[in-house]
Amino acid sequence: MKILYVCTGNTCRSPMAQAITEWMAESRGLNDVVVDSAGTGCPYGDPMTENAAKAVAARGIFFTHQSKKVTENDLSDSDAVICMTPIHKLALEKFADPSKLYSANDFIGHEIPDPYGGGEEVYEECARQLESLAAAVLDRFCGK
């Protein structure tokens, strides 16, 4: 199972979701789950923001990351593409199999707001929402 998370800049939400989902999958013994992330409008090679790294580190997750723009290959190689907002999903519909495209709304009933530029508490709230999203994604696609 390959899960791809997509946001805009690939320096906050989607890499946090990737790190949290990898950690959660490992803790559930799901060794066949591969997780990646990308952005709809970002340069290649930017690191995860400092506050995003702090939010995942607070969970005991130490994750290094370089941003990348989502490609058609990323989309075709993934079993599920989870977008942070319906706008991201809409942007990818012309490039991806619609049966693989989801937004956070489909799992937790709301989109994941962009924490970029916010303080540590904003990133912490985002991480809590991403924990709920990761759990719901793994429950749906992996059954545990």
N, C-alpha and C. Protein backbone atom coordinates (compact mmCIF):
# COMPACT_ATOMS: atom_id res chain seq x y z
N MET A 1 0.85 -1.18 0.00
CA MET A 1 0.00 0.00 0.00
C MET A 1 0.89 1.23 0.00
N LYS A 2 0.72 2.10 -1.00
CA LYS A 2 1.47 3.35 -1.04
C LYS A 2 0.50 4.52 -0.90
N ILE A 3 0.75 5.34 0.12
CA ILE A 3 -0.07 6.51 0.43
C ILE A 3 0.75 7.75 0.13
N LEU A 4 0.15 8.69 -0.60
CA LEU A 4 0.80 9.96 -0.92
C LEU A 4 -0.04 11.08 -0.32
N TYR A 5 0.58 11.92 0.51
CA TYR A 5 -0.08 13.11 1.06
C TYR A 5 0.33 14.32 0.22
N VAL A 6 -0.65 15.19 -0.06
CA VAL A 6 -0.38 16.37 -0.88
C VAL A 6 -0.93 17.62 -0.19
N CYS A 7 -0.09 18.65 -0.15
CA CYS A 7 -0.50 19.99 0.28
C CYS A 7 0.07 20.98 -0.74
N THR A 8 0.24 22.21 -0.36
CA THR A 8 0.73 23.22 -1.31
C THR A 8 2.25 23.24 -1.37
N GLY A 9 2.90 23.54 -0.26
CA GLY A 9 4.34 23.76 -0.27
C GLY A 9 5.21 22.58 0.10
N ASN A 10 4.60 21.51 0.62
CA ASN A 10 5.32 20.31 1.02
C ASN A 10 6.41 20.60 2.06
N THR A 11 6.13 21.57 2.94
CA THR A 11 7.06 21.85 4.04
C THR A 11 6.38 21.81 5.40
N CYS A 12 5.06 21.66 5.44
CA CYS A 12 4.33 21.62 6.72
C CYS A 12 3.41 20.40 6.79
N ARG A 13 2.19 20.57 6.28
CA ARG A 13 1.15 19.55 6.47
C ARG A 13 1.51 18.19 5.88
N SER A 14 1.86 18.14 4.61
CA SER A 14 2.06 16.82 4.00
C SER A 14 3.28 16.08 4.56
N PRO A 15 4.42 16.75 4.81
CA PRO A 15 5.51 15.97 5.43
C PRO A 15 5.20 15.58 6.88
N MET A 16 4.45 16.43 7.59
CA MET A 16 4.03 16.04 8.94
C MET A 16 3.13 14.81 8.87
N ALA A 17 2.20 14.81 7.91
CA ALA A 17 1.31 13.66 7.73
C ALA A 17 2.11 12.42 7.36
N GLN A 18 3.11 12.58 6.50
CA GLN A 18 3.96 11.46 6.12
C GLN A 18 4.66 10.88 7.35
N ALA A 19 5.30 11.74 8.12
CA ALA A 19 6.04 11.29 9.29
C ALA A 19 5.12 10.61 10.31
N ILE A 20 3.98 11.21 10.57
CA ILE A 20 3.04 10.66 11.56
C ILE A 20 2.47 9.33 11.07
N THR A 21 2.14 9.23 9.79
CA THR A 21 1.58 7.99 9.25
C THR A 21 2.63 6.88 9.26
N GLU A 22 3.87 7.19 8.89
CA GLU A 22 4.93 6.18 8.95
C GLU A 22 5.10 5.66 10.37
N TRP A 23 5.13 6.57 11.32
CA TRP A 23 5.28 6.21 12.73
C TRP A 23 4.11 5.36 13.20
N MET A 24 2.91 5.76 12.83
CA MET A 24 1.71 5.03 13.23
C MET A 24 1.65 3.65 12.58
N ALA A 25 2.01 3.58 11.29
CA ALA A 25 2.01 2.29 10.59
C ALA A 25 3.01 1.34 11.24
N GLU A 26 4.17 1.86 11.57
CA GLU A 26 5.19 1.03 12.23
C GLU A 26 4.68 0.53 13.58
N SER A 27 4.05 1.41 14.35
CA SER A 27 3.56 1.00 15.67
C SER A 27 2.43 -0.02 15.56
N ARG A 28 1.74 -0.06 14.41
CA ARG A 28 0.68 -1.04 14.19
C ARG A 28 1.20 -2.31 13.50
N GLY A 29 2.49 -2.36 13.23
CA GLY A 29 3.07 -3.52 12.57
C GLY A 29 2.74 -3.63 11.10
N LEU A 30 2.45 -2.50 10.47
CA LEU A 30 2.09 -2.48 9.04
C LEU A 30 3.35 -2.23 8.23
N ASN A 31 4.11 -3.28 7.99
CA ASN A 31 5.40 -3.15 7.33
C ASN A 31 5.30 -2.94 5.82
N ASP A 32 4.13 -3.19 5.25
CA ASP A 32 3.98 -3.05 3.80
C ASP A 32 3.41 -1.70 3.38
N VAL A 33 3.32 -0.77 4.31
CA VAL A 33 2.81 0.57 4.00
C VAL A 33 3.98 1.49 3.68
N VAL A 34 3.91 2.14 2.51
CA VAL A 34 4.90 3.12 2.09
C VAL A 34 4.19 4.47 2.05
N VAL A 35 4.82 5.48 2.61
CA VAL A 35 4.20 6.80 2.70
C VAL A 35 5.14 7.83 2.08
N ASP A 36 4.56 8.75 1.31
CA ASP A 36 5.33 9.82 0.69
C ASP A 36 4.52 11.10 0.78
N SER A 37 5.13 12.21 0.40
CA SER A 37 4.42 13.49 0.37
C SER A 37 4.98 14.35 -0.75
N ALA A 38 4.15 15.30 -1.19
CA ALA A 38 4.55 16.22 -2.25
C ALA A 38 3.65 17.46 -2.18
N GLY A 39 4.02 18.47 -2.95
CA GLY A 39 3.26 19.71 -2.97
C GLY A 39 2.78 20.06 -4.36
N THR A 40 1.71 20.83 -4.42
CA THR A 40 1.17 21.26 -5.71
C THR A 40 1.91 22.45 -6.28
N GLY A 41 2.58 23.20 -5.45
CA GLY A 41 3.27 24.39 -5.93
C GLY A 41 4.47 24.71 -5.08
N CYS A 42 5.54 23.96 -5.25
CA CYS A 42 6.69 24.18 -4.39
C CYS A 42 7.98 23.92 -5.16
N PRO A 43 9.06 24.53 -4.70
CA PRO A 43 10.37 24.21 -5.28
C PRO A 43 10.86 22.89 -4.72
N TYR A 44 11.88 22.35 -5.33
CA TYR A 44 12.48 21.12 -4.83
C TYR A 44 13.54 21.46 -3.79
N GLY A 45 13.54 20.70 -2.71
CA GLY A 45 14.64 20.75 -1.78
C GLY A 45 14.49 21.59 -0.54
N ASP A 46 13.34 22.25 -0.33
CA ASP A 46 13.18 23.02 0.90
C ASP A 46 12.98 22.07 2.07
N PRO A 47 13.53 22.40 3.24
CA PRO A 47 13.32 21.54 4.40
C PRO A 47 11.93 21.74 4.99
N MET A 48 11.55 20.82 5.85
CA MET A 48 10.32 20.98 6.62
C MET A 48 10.51 22.20 7.52
N THR A 49 9.46 22.97 7.74
CA THR A 49 9.60 24.16 8.58
C THR A 49 10.01 23.75 10.00
N GLU A 50 10.64 24.67 10.68
CA GLU A 50 11.13 24.40 12.03
C GLU A 50 10.00 23.98 12.97
N ASN A 51 8.87 24.68 12.91
CA ASN A 51 7.76 24.35 13.80
C ASN A 51 7.10 23.02 13.44
N ALA A 52 7.11 22.66 12.16
CA ALA A 52 6.60 21.34 11.76
C ALA A 52 7.50 20.25 12.33
N ALA A 53 8.80 20.45 12.22
CA ALA A 53 9.75 19.47 12.77
C ALA A 53 9.59 19.35 14.29
N LYS A 54 9.36 20.47 14.96
CA LYS A 54 9.16 20.45 16.41
C LYS A 54 7.90 19.68 16.78
N ALA A 55 6.83 19.88 16.01
CA ALA A 55 5.56 19.21 16.31
C ALA A 55 5.67 17.70 16.18
N VAL A 56 6.39 17.22 15.17
CA VAL A 56 6.54 15.76 15.06
C VAL A 56 7.57 15.24 16.06
N ALA A 57 8.60 16.02 16.34
CA ALA A 57 9.60 15.61 17.33
C ALA A 57 8.99 15.48 18.72
N ALA A 58 7.98 16.29 19.01
CA ALA A 58 7.28 16.20 20.30
C ALA A 58 6.61 14.85 20.47
N ARG A 59 6.41 14.12 19.38
CA ARG A 59 5.83 12.78 19.39
C ARG A 59 6.90 11.69 19.32
N GLY A 60 8.15 12.10 19.40
CA GLY A 60 9.25 11.15 19.33
C GLY A 60 9.59 10.75 17.90
N ILE A 61 9.16 11.57 16.94
CA ILE A 61 9.41 11.29 15.53
C ILE A 61 10.47 12.26 15.03
N PHE A 62 11.58 11.74 14.57
CA PHE A 62 12.64 12.58 14.04
C PHE A 62 12.73 12.30 12.55
N PHE A 63 12.37 13.29 11.76
CA PHE A 63 12.09 13.11 10.34
C PHE A 63 12.81 14.18 9.56
N THR A 64 13.61 13.78 8.58
CA THR A 64 14.24 14.75 7.70
C THR A 64 13.48 14.74 6.37
N HIS A 65 13.42 15.88 5.74
CA HIS A 65 12.56 16.01 4.57
C HIS A 65 13.07 17.10 3.64
N GLN A 66 12.89 16.87 2.34
CA GLN A 66 13.12 17.89 1.33
C GLN A 66 11.87 17.96 0.46
N SER A 67 11.37 19.16 0.25
CA SER A 67 10.14 19.33 -0.52
C SER A 67 10.32 18.87 -1.95
N LYS A 68 9.19 18.46 -2.54
CA LYS A 68 9.18 18.11 -3.96
C LYS A 68 7.79 18.38 -4.51
N LYS A 69 7.75 18.72 -5.77
CA LYS A 69 6.48 18.97 -6.44
C LYS A 69 5.88 17.63 -6.88
N VAL A 70 4.58 17.49 -6.71
CA VAL A 70 3.90 16.26 -7.09
C VAL A 70 4.00 16.07 -8.60
N THR A 71 4.25 14.83 -9.02
CA THR A 71 4.36 14.51 -10.44
C THR A 71 3.28 13.51 -10.82
N GLU A 72 3.04 13.38 -12.10
CA GLU A 72 2.09 12.38 -12.57
C GLU A 72 2.55 10.99 -12.17
N ASN A 73 3.85 10.76 -12.15
CA ASN A 73 4.39 9.46 -11.72
C ASN A 73 4.06 9.20 -10.25
N ASP A 74 4.20 10.22 -9.39
CA ASP A 74 3.83 10.07 -7.98
C ASP A 74 2.37 9.64 -7.87
N LEU A 75 1.52 10.28 -8.67
CA LEU A 75 0.09 10.00 -8.60
C LEU A 75 -0.23 8.60 -9.09
N SER A 76 0.38 8.18 -10.18
CA SER A 76 0.08 6.86 -10.73
C SER A 76 0.66 5.73 -9.88
N ASP A 77 1.78 5.99 -9.19
CA ASP A 77 2.41 4.97 -8.36
C ASP A 77 1.75 4.80 -6.99
N SER A 78 0.84 5.69 -6.64
CA SER A 78 0.22 5.65 -5.31
C SER A 78 -1.12 4.93 -5.37
N ASP A 79 -1.41 4.21 -4.29
CA ASP A 79 -2.71 3.54 -4.16
C ASP A 79 -3.77 4.51 -3.66
N ALA A 80 -3.35 5.50 -2.87
CA ALA A 80 -4.25 6.51 -2.34
C ALA A 80 -3.50 7.84 -2.26
N VAL A 81 -4.15 8.89 -2.76
CA VAL A 81 -3.59 10.24 -2.71
C VAL A 81 -4.50 11.05 -1.79
N ILE A 82 -3.95 11.47 -0.66
CA ILE A 82 -4.72 12.18 0.36
C ILE A 82 -4.33 13.64 0.33
N CYS A 83 -5.28 14.48 -0.06
CA CYS A 83 -5.05 15.92 -0.17
C CYS A 83 -5.51 16.62 1.11
N MET A 84 -4.82 17.65 1.49
CA MET A 84 -5.16 18.36 2.72
C MET A 84 -6.47 19.14 2.60
N THR A 85 -6.79 19.58 1.38
CA THR A 85 -8.03 20.33 1.16
C THR A 85 -8.71 19.87 -0.13
N PRO A 86 -9.98 20.15 -0.27
CA PRO A 86 -10.66 19.84 -1.53
C PRO A 86 -10.07 20.59 -2.72
N ILE A 87 -9.47 21.75 -2.50
CA ILE A 87 -8.84 22.51 -3.59
C ILE A 87 -7.65 21.74 -4.15
N HIS A 88 -6.85 21.13 -3.28
CA HIS A 88 -5.73 20.31 -3.75
C HIS A 88 -6.26 19.13 -4.57
N LYS A 89 -7.30 18.51 -4.08
CA LYS A 89 -7.90 17.37 -4.79
C LYS A 89 -8.37 17.81 -6.17
N LEU A 90 -9.05 18.92 -6.24
CA LEU A 90 -9.55 19.45 -7.52
C LEU A 90 -8.39 19.72 -8.48
N ALA A 91 -7.29 20.25 -7.97
CA ALA A 91 -6.13 20.56 -8.81
C ALA A 91 -5.51 19.30 -9.43
N LEU A 92 -5.68 18.16 -8.76
CA LEU A 92 -5.05 16.93 -9.23
C LEU A 92 -5.98 16.05 -10.08
N GLU A 93 -7.26 16.38 -10.11
CA GLU A 93 -8.23 15.52 -10.79
C GLU A 93 -7.92 15.28 -12.26
N LYS A 94 -7.32 16.23 -12.93
CA LYS A 94 -7.03 16.03 -14.35
C LYS A 94 -5.77 15.20 -14.59
N PHE A 95 -5.01 14.93 -13.53
CA PHE A 95 -3.77 14.17 -13.66
C PHE A 95 -3.81 12.79 -13.01
N ALA A 96 -4.81 12.53 -12.18
CA ALA A 96 -4.82 11.31 -11.39
C ALA A 96 -6.13 10.55 -11.56
N ASP A 97 -6.05 9.27 -11.31
CA ASP A 97 -7.23 8.41 -11.28
C ASP A 97 -8.14 8.91 -10.15
N PRO A 98 -9.35 9.36 -10.48
CA PRO A 98 -10.21 9.93 -9.43
C PRO A 98 -10.57 8.93 -8.32
N SER A 99 -10.50 7.64 -8.63
CA SER A 99 -10.83 6.67 -7.59
C SER A 99 -9.73 6.57 -6.52
N LYS A 100 -8.58 7.17 -6.77
CA LYS A 100 -7.47 7.18 -5.80
C LYS A 100 -7.39 8.49 -5.02
N LEU A 101 -8.15 9.50 -5.45
CA LEU A 101 -8.05 10.83 -4.86
C LEU A 101 -9.02 11.02 -3.71
N TYR A 102 -8.49 11.56 -2.62
CA TYR A 102 -9.29 11.83 -1.43
C TYR A 102 -8.85 13.18 -0.87
N SER A 103 -9.72 13.77 -0.07
CA SER A 103 -9.29 14.92 0.72
C SER A 103 -9.44 14.55 2.19
N ALA A 104 -8.82 15.32 3.04
CA ALA A 104 -8.93 15.07 4.48
C ALA A 104 -10.40 15.03 4.89
N ASN A 105 -11.24 15.81 4.23
CA ASN A 105 -12.68 15.81 4.51
C ASN A 105 -13.27 14.42 4.47
N ASP A 106 -12.80 13.60 3.54
CA ASP A 106 -13.33 12.25 3.37
C ASP A 106 -13.05 11.35 4.57
N PHE A 107 -12.09 11.71 5.38
CA PHE A 107 -11.70 10.87 6.52
C PHE A 107 -12.09 11.46 7.87
N ILE A 108 -11.92 12.78 8.02
CA ILE A 108 -12.16 13.38 9.35
C ILE A 108 -13.20 14.49 9.32
N GLY A 109 -13.83 14.71 8.17
CA GLY A 109 -14.94 15.66 8.10
C GLY A 109 -14.56 17.12 7.94
N HIS A 110 -13.29 17.41 7.80
CA HIS A 110 -12.86 18.80 7.56
C HIS A 110 -11.48 18.79 6.92
N GLU A 111 -11.14 19.91 6.30
CA GLU A 111 -9.81 20.02 5.72
C GLU A 111 -8.80 20.34 6.80
N ILE A 112 -7.53 20.20 6.45
CA ILE A 112 -6.44 20.52 7.38
C ILE A 112 -5.93 21.92 7.03
N PRO A 113 -6.17 22.91 7.90
CA PRO A 113 -5.70 24.27 7.61
C PRO A 113 -4.18 24.36 7.54
N ASP A 114 -3.71 25.26 6.71
CA ASP A 114 -2.27 25.46 6.54
C ASP A 114 -1.70 26.20 7.75
N PRO A 115 -0.75 25.59 8.46
CA PRO A 115 -0.17 26.26 9.62
C PRO A 115 0.97 27.20 9.28
N TYR A 116 1.36 27.26 8.00
CA TYR A 116 2.55 28.01 7.59
C TYR A 116 2.52 29.43 8.16
N GLY A 117 3.61 29.80 8.82
CA GLY A 117 3.73 31.13 9.41
C GLY A 117 3.18 31.23 10.82
N GLY A 118 2.52 30.18 11.29
CA GLY A 118 1.95 30.20 12.63
C GLY A 118 2.98 29.81 13.68
N GLY A 119 2.59 29.98 14.91
CA GLY A 119 3.45 29.63 16.03
C GLY A 119 3.40 28.14 16.34
N GLU A 120 4.16 27.76 17.35
CA GLU A 120 4.24 26.34 17.71
C GLU A 120 2.88 25.76 18.05
N GLU A 121 2.01 26.54 18.69
CA GLU A 121 0.69 26.02 19.07
C GLU A 121 -0.17 25.73 17.83
N VAL A 122 0.00 26.51 16.77
CA VAL A 122 -0.74 26.28 15.52
C VAL A 122 -0.26 24.97 14.89
N TYR A 123 1.02 24.74 14.89
CA TYR A 123 1.57 23.49 14.35
C TYR A 123 1.18 22.29 15.20
N GLU A 124 1.14 22.48 16.51
CA GLU A 124 0.72 21.40 17.40
C GLU A 124 -0.73 21.00 17.11
N GLU A 125 -1.59 21.97 16.92
CA GLU A 125 -2.99 21.67 16.57
C GLU A 125 -3.06 20.95 15.23
N CYS A 126 -2.28 21.39 14.28
CA CYS A 126 -2.23 20.72 12.98
C CYS A 126 -1.77 19.27 13.15
N ALA A 127 -0.76 19.04 13.95
CA ALA A 127 -0.26 17.67 14.17
C ALA A 127 -1.33 16.80 14.81
N ARG A 128 -2.10 17.35 15.73
CA ARG A 128 -3.19 16.57 16.34
C ARG A 128 -4.22 16.17 15.29
N GLN A 129 -4.55 17.10 14.39
CA GLN A 129 -5.49 16.79 13.32
C GLN A 129 -4.91 15.74 12.37
N LEU A 130 -3.62 15.84 12.10
CA LEU A 130 -2.96 14.87 11.22
C LEU A 130 -2.88 13.49 11.86
N GLU A 131 -2.78 13.42 13.18
CA GLU A 131 -2.84 12.12 13.86
C GLU A 131 -4.19 11.46 13.61
N SER A 132 -5.26 12.24 13.72
CA SER A 132 -6.61 11.71 13.45
C SER A 132 -6.72 11.26 12.00
N LEU A 133 -6.19 12.08 11.09
CA LEU A 133 -6.23 11.74 9.67
C LEU A 133 -5.44 10.46 9.40
N ALA A 134 -4.23 10.36 9.92
CA ALA A 134 -3.40 9.17 9.70
C ALA A 134 -4.08 7.92 10.22
N ALA A 135 -4.66 7.99 11.41
CA ALA A 135 -5.36 6.83 11.98
C ALA A 135 -6.52 6.42 11.08
N ALA A 136 -7.30 7.39 10.61
CA ALA A 136 -8.45 7.08 9.75
C ALA A 136 -8.01 6.49 8.41
N VAL A 137 -6.93 7.02 7.85
CA VAL A 137 -6.39 6.51 6.58
C VAL A 137 -5.94 5.06 6.75
N LEU A 138 -5.17 4.79 7.79
CA LEU A 138 -4.70 3.42 8.02
C LEU A 138 -5.85 2.47 8.33
N ASP A 139 -6.83 2.93 9.09
CA ASP A 139 -8.00 2.10 9.38
C ASP A 139 -8.72 1.71 8.09
N ARG A 140 -8.92 2.68 7.21
CA ARG A 140 -9.66 2.43 5.98
C ARG A 140 -8.90 1.51 5.01
N PHE A 141 -7.64 1.79 4.83
CA PHE A 141 -6.89 1.06 3.78
C PHE A 141 -6.15 -0.17 4.29
N CYS A 142 -5.89 -0.22 5.58
CA CYS A 142 -5.10 -1.35 6.10
C CYS A 142 -5.86 -2.17 7.13
N GLY A 143 -7.01 -1.70 7.54
CA GLY A 143 -7.84 -2.47 8.45
C GLY A 143 -7.36 -2.55 9.89
N LYS A 144 -6.29 -1.82 10.22
CA LYS A 144 -5.86 -1.78 11.62
C LYS A 144 -4.95 -0.62 11.88
